[in-house]
């Protein structure tokens, strides 16, 4: 079962997405990326963020014993 420290680690990884967006911005300006390359990069980042959000939600549910992680109907374990 995951705890709040796992959740904190997953939240911190959002900074890597911010850095990836910065790299994409630089690439657009410095390397004259095509519209297709920009859209593909953005779509890839969207998929990664969606998956990360699902992972964080599952971790939160584990931390607070929610949904399928409920123990004896209690909200908190």
N, C-alpha and C. Protein backbone atom coordinates (compact mmCIF):
# COMPACT_ATOMS: atom_id res chain seq x y z
N UNK A 1 0.86 -1.18 0.00
CA UNK A 1 0.00 0.00 0.00
C UNK A 1 0.90 1.23 0.00
N UNK A 2 0.55 2.18 -0.82
CA UNK A 2 1.34 3.41 -0.92
C UNK A 2 0.94 4.38 0.19
N UNK A 3 1.88 5.26 0.53
CA UNK A 3 1.62 6.25 1.56
C UNK A 3 1.83 7.66 1.00
N UNK A 4 1.75 8.65 1.88
CA UNK A 4 1.82 10.04 1.43
C UNK A 4 3.16 10.38 0.80
N UNK A 5 4.21 9.66 1.16
CA UNK A 5 5.52 9.92 0.59
C UNK A 5 5.56 9.51 -0.89
N UNK A 6 4.87 8.42 -1.22
CA UNK A 6 4.74 8.03 -2.62
C UNK A 6 3.99 9.12 -3.40
N UNK A 7 2.93 9.64 -2.80
CA UNK A 7 2.15 10.69 -3.44
C UNK A 7 3.00 11.94 -3.65
N UNK A 8 3.78 12.32 -2.65
CA UNK A 8 4.65 13.48 -2.78
C UNK A 8 5.65 13.28 -3.92
N UNK A 9 6.22 12.09 -4.01
CA UNK A 9 7.18 11.80 -5.09
C UNK A 9 6.53 11.93 -6.46
N UNK A 10 5.29 11.44 -6.58
CA UNK A 10 4.59 11.52 -7.86
C UNK A 10 4.24 12.95 -8.22
N UNK A 11 3.92 13.77 -7.23
CA UNK A 11 3.64 15.18 -7.48
C UNK A 11 4.93 15.89 -7.93
N UNK A 12 6.05 15.56 -7.31
CA UNK A 12 7.33 16.18 -7.67
C UNK A 12 7.71 15.87 -9.12
N UNK A 13 7.31 14.72 -9.62
CA UNK A 13 7.68 14.37 -11.00
C UNK A 13 6.99 15.26 -12.02
N UNK A 14 5.99 16.01 -11.60
CA UNK A 14 5.35 16.95 -12.52
C UNK A 14 6.34 17.99 -13.02
N UNK A 15 7.38 18.27 -12.23
CA UNK A 15 8.39 19.23 -12.67
C UNK A 15 9.10 18.73 -13.92
N UNK A 16 9.24 17.42 -14.08
CA UNK A 16 9.89 16.91 -15.30
C UNK A 16 9.04 17.24 -16.52
N UNK A 17 7.72 17.23 -16.38
CA UNK A 17 6.86 17.61 -17.50
C UNK A 17 7.06 19.09 -17.84
N UNK A 18 7.22 19.89 -16.82
CA UNK A 18 7.47 21.31 -17.04
C UNK A 18 8.78 21.50 -17.81
N UNK A 19 9.79 20.75 -17.46
CA UNK A 19 11.07 20.84 -18.16
C UNK A 19 10.94 20.35 -19.61
N UNK A 20 10.12 19.33 -19.83
CA UNK A 20 9.91 18.84 -21.19
C UNK A 20 9.21 19.89 -22.04
N UNK A 21 8.25 20.61 -21.45
CA UNK A 21 7.59 21.70 -22.18
C UNK A 21 8.57 22.81 -22.52
N UNK A 22 9.47 23.09 -21.59
CA UNK A 22 10.50 24.10 -21.85
C UNK A 22 11.39 23.67 -23.01
N UNK A 23 11.78 22.40 -23.02
CA UNK A 23 12.60 21.87 -24.11
C UNK A 23 11.86 21.96 -25.44
N UNK A 24 10.57 21.65 -25.42
CA UNK A 24 9.77 21.75 -26.64
C UNK A 24 9.71 23.20 -27.12
N UNK A 25 9.51 24.13 -26.21
CA UNK A 25 9.48 25.55 -26.58
C UNK A 25 10.79 25.97 -27.24
N UNK A 26 11.89 25.55 -26.65
CA UNK A 26 13.20 25.88 -27.23
C UNK A 26 13.34 25.25 -28.61
N UNK A 27 12.89 24.01 -28.74
CA UNK A 27 12.97 23.32 -30.02
C UNK A 27 12.17 24.03 -31.10
N UNK A 28 11.00 24.52 -30.74
CA UNK A 28 10.16 25.24 -31.70
C UNK A 28 10.86 26.50 -32.18
N UNK A 29 11.46 27.22 -31.23
CA UNK A 29 12.11 28.48 -31.58
C UNK A 29 13.45 28.30 -32.28
N UNK A 30 14.25 27.34 -31.83
CA UNK A 30 15.61 27.20 -32.33
C UNK A 30 15.76 26.27 -33.53
N UNK A 31 14.89 25.27 -33.65
CA UNK A 31 15.08 24.27 -34.69
C UNK A 31 13.98 24.26 -35.73
N UNK A 32 13.14 25.26 -35.67
CA UNK A 32 12.09 25.42 -36.69
C UNK A 32 11.32 24.12 -36.92
N UNK A 33 10.76 23.58 -35.83
CA UNK A 33 9.98 22.34 -35.94
C UNK A 33 8.74 22.56 -36.79
N UNK A 34 8.36 21.52 -37.51
CA UNK A 34 7.14 21.61 -38.32
C UNK A 34 5.92 21.56 -37.42
N UNK A 35 4.79 21.95 -37.98
CA UNK A 35 3.53 21.87 -37.22
C UNK A 35 3.26 20.44 -36.78
N UNK A 36 3.51 19.48 -37.66
CA UNK A 36 3.30 18.07 -37.31
C UNK A 36 4.17 17.65 -36.14
N UNK A 37 5.44 18.06 -36.14
CA UNK A 37 6.34 17.70 -35.05
C UNK A 37 5.88 18.32 -33.72
N UNK A 38 5.41 19.55 -33.78
CA UNK A 38 4.93 20.21 -32.57
C UNK A 38 3.68 19.51 -32.04
N UNK A 39 2.73 19.24 -32.92
CA UNK A 39 1.50 18.58 -32.51
C UNK A 39 1.79 17.19 -31.96
N UNK A 40 2.66 16.44 -32.61
CA UNK A 40 3.01 15.10 -32.11
C UNK A 40 3.65 15.18 -30.73
N UNK A 41 4.53 16.15 -30.53
CA UNK A 41 5.16 16.31 -29.22
C UNK A 41 4.12 16.66 -28.16
N UNK A 42 3.21 17.57 -28.49
CA UNK A 42 2.17 17.95 -27.53
C UNK A 42 1.23 16.78 -27.23
N UNK A 43 0.88 16.01 -28.23
CA UNK A 43 0.02 14.84 -28.01
C UNK A 43 0.71 13.82 -27.10
N UNK A 44 2.01 13.63 -27.32
CA UNK A 44 2.77 12.71 -26.47
C UNK A 44 2.80 13.18 -25.03
N UNK A 45 3.02 14.48 -24.82
CA UNK A 45 3.00 15.02 -23.47
C UNK A 45 1.62 14.90 -22.83
N UNK A 46 0.57 15.09 -23.62
CA UNK A 46 -0.80 14.94 -23.11
C UNK A 46 -1.05 13.53 -22.61
N UNK A 47 -0.64 12.54 -23.39
CA UNK A 47 -0.82 11.14 -23.00
C UNK A 47 -0.06 10.86 -21.70
N UNK A 48 1.18 11.34 -21.62
CA UNK A 48 1.98 11.12 -20.43
C UNK A 48 1.35 11.78 -19.20
N UNK A 49 0.84 13.00 -19.35
CA UNK A 49 0.19 13.69 -18.23
C UNK A 49 -1.09 12.98 -17.81
N UNK A 50 -1.87 12.50 -18.77
CA UNK A 50 -3.09 11.76 -18.45
C UNK A 50 -2.76 10.49 -17.65
N UNK A 51 -1.75 9.76 -18.09
CA UNK A 51 -1.35 8.54 -17.38
C UNK A 51 -0.82 8.87 -15.99
N UNK A 52 -0.07 9.94 -15.88
CA UNK A 52 0.47 10.32 -14.58
C UNK A 52 -0.66 10.74 -13.63
N UNK A 53 -1.66 11.43 -14.15
CA UNK A 53 -2.80 11.83 -13.32
C UNK A 53 -3.53 10.60 -12.80
N UNK A 54 -3.70 9.58 -13.64
CA UNK A 54 -4.34 8.34 -13.20
C UNK A 54 -3.52 7.67 -12.11
N UNK A 55 -2.21 7.66 -12.29
CA UNK A 55 -1.31 7.05 -11.30
C UNK A 55 -1.40 7.80 -9.97
N UNK A 56 -1.40 9.14 -10.02
CA UNK A 56 -1.50 9.92 -8.79
C UNK A 56 -2.85 9.71 -8.11
N UNK A 57 -3.91 9.59 -8.88
CA UNK A 57 -5.23 9.35 -8.29
C UNK A 57 -5.26 8.01 -7.57
N UNK A 58 -4.66 6.98 -8.19
CA UNK A 58 -4.61 5.67 -7.55
C UNK A 58 -3.79 5.72 -6.28
N UNK A 59 -2.67 6.44 -6.31
CA UNK A 59 -1.84 6.57 -5.12
C UNK A 59 -2.60 7.30 -4.02
N UNK A 60 -3.33 8.35 -4.36
CA UNK A 60 -4.12 9.08 -3.38
C UNK A 60 -5.17 8.15 -2.76
N UNK A 61 -5.83 7.35 -3.59
CA UNK A 61 -6.83 6.42 -3.08
C UNK A 61 -6.20 5.41 -2.13
N UNK A 62 -4.98 4.97 -2.44
CA UNK A 62 -4.30 4.06 -1.53
C UNK A 62 -3.93 4.75 -0.22
N UNK A 63 -3.44 5.99 -0.31
CA UNK A 63 -3.03 6.73 0.89
C UNK A 63 -4.18 6.94 1.86
N UNK A 64 -5.34 7.23 1.32
CA UNK A 64 -6.49 7.56 2.15
C UNK A 64 -7.54 6.46 2.20
N UNK A 65 -7.15 5.25 1.77
CA UNK A 65 -8.05 4.08 1.79
C UNK A 65 -9.40 4.39 1.15
N UNK A 66 -9.36 4.89 -0.08
CA UNK A 66 -10.58 5.23 -0.81
C UNK A 66 -10.88 4.18 -1.87
N UNK A 67 -12.11 4.20 -2.35
CA UNK A 67 -12.55 3.34 -3.45
C UNK A 67 -12.23 1.88 -3.17
N UNK A 68 -11.52 1.22 -4.07
CA UNK A 68 -11.26 -0.21 -3.91
C UNK A 68 -10.28 -0.50 -2.77
N UNK A 69 -9.68 0.53 -2.18
CA UNK A 69 -8.72 0.33 -1.09
C UNK A 69 -9.35 0.53 0.28
N UNK A 70 -10.67 0.72 0.35
CA UNK A 70 -11.34 0.89 1.63
C UNK A 70 -11.13 -0.35 2.49
N UNK A 71 -10.94 -0.10 3.77
CA UNK A 71 -10.76 -1.20 4.72
C UNK A 71 -11.95 -1.19 5.66
N UNK A 72 -12.77 -2.24 5.60
CA UNK A 72 -13.93 -2.37 6.48
C UNK A 72 -14.86 -1.17 6.43
N UNK A 73 -14.95 -0.53 5.28
CA UNK A 73 -15.85 0.60 5.12
C UNK A 73 -15.35 1.89 5.75
N UNK A 74 -14.15 1.85 6.37
CA UNK A 74 -13.58 3.06 6.98
C UNK A 74 -13.04 3.97 5.89
N UNK A 75 -13.09 5.26 6.15
CA UNK A 75 -12.53 6.22 5.19
C UNK A 75 -11.01 6.21 5.32
N UNK A 76 -10.49 6.17 6.53
CA UNK A 76 -9.04 6.15 6.76
C UNK A 76 -8.67 4.87 7.47
N UNK A 77 -7.49 4.36 7.15
CA UNK A 77 -7.04 3.14 7.84
C UNK A 77 -6.24 3.49 9.06
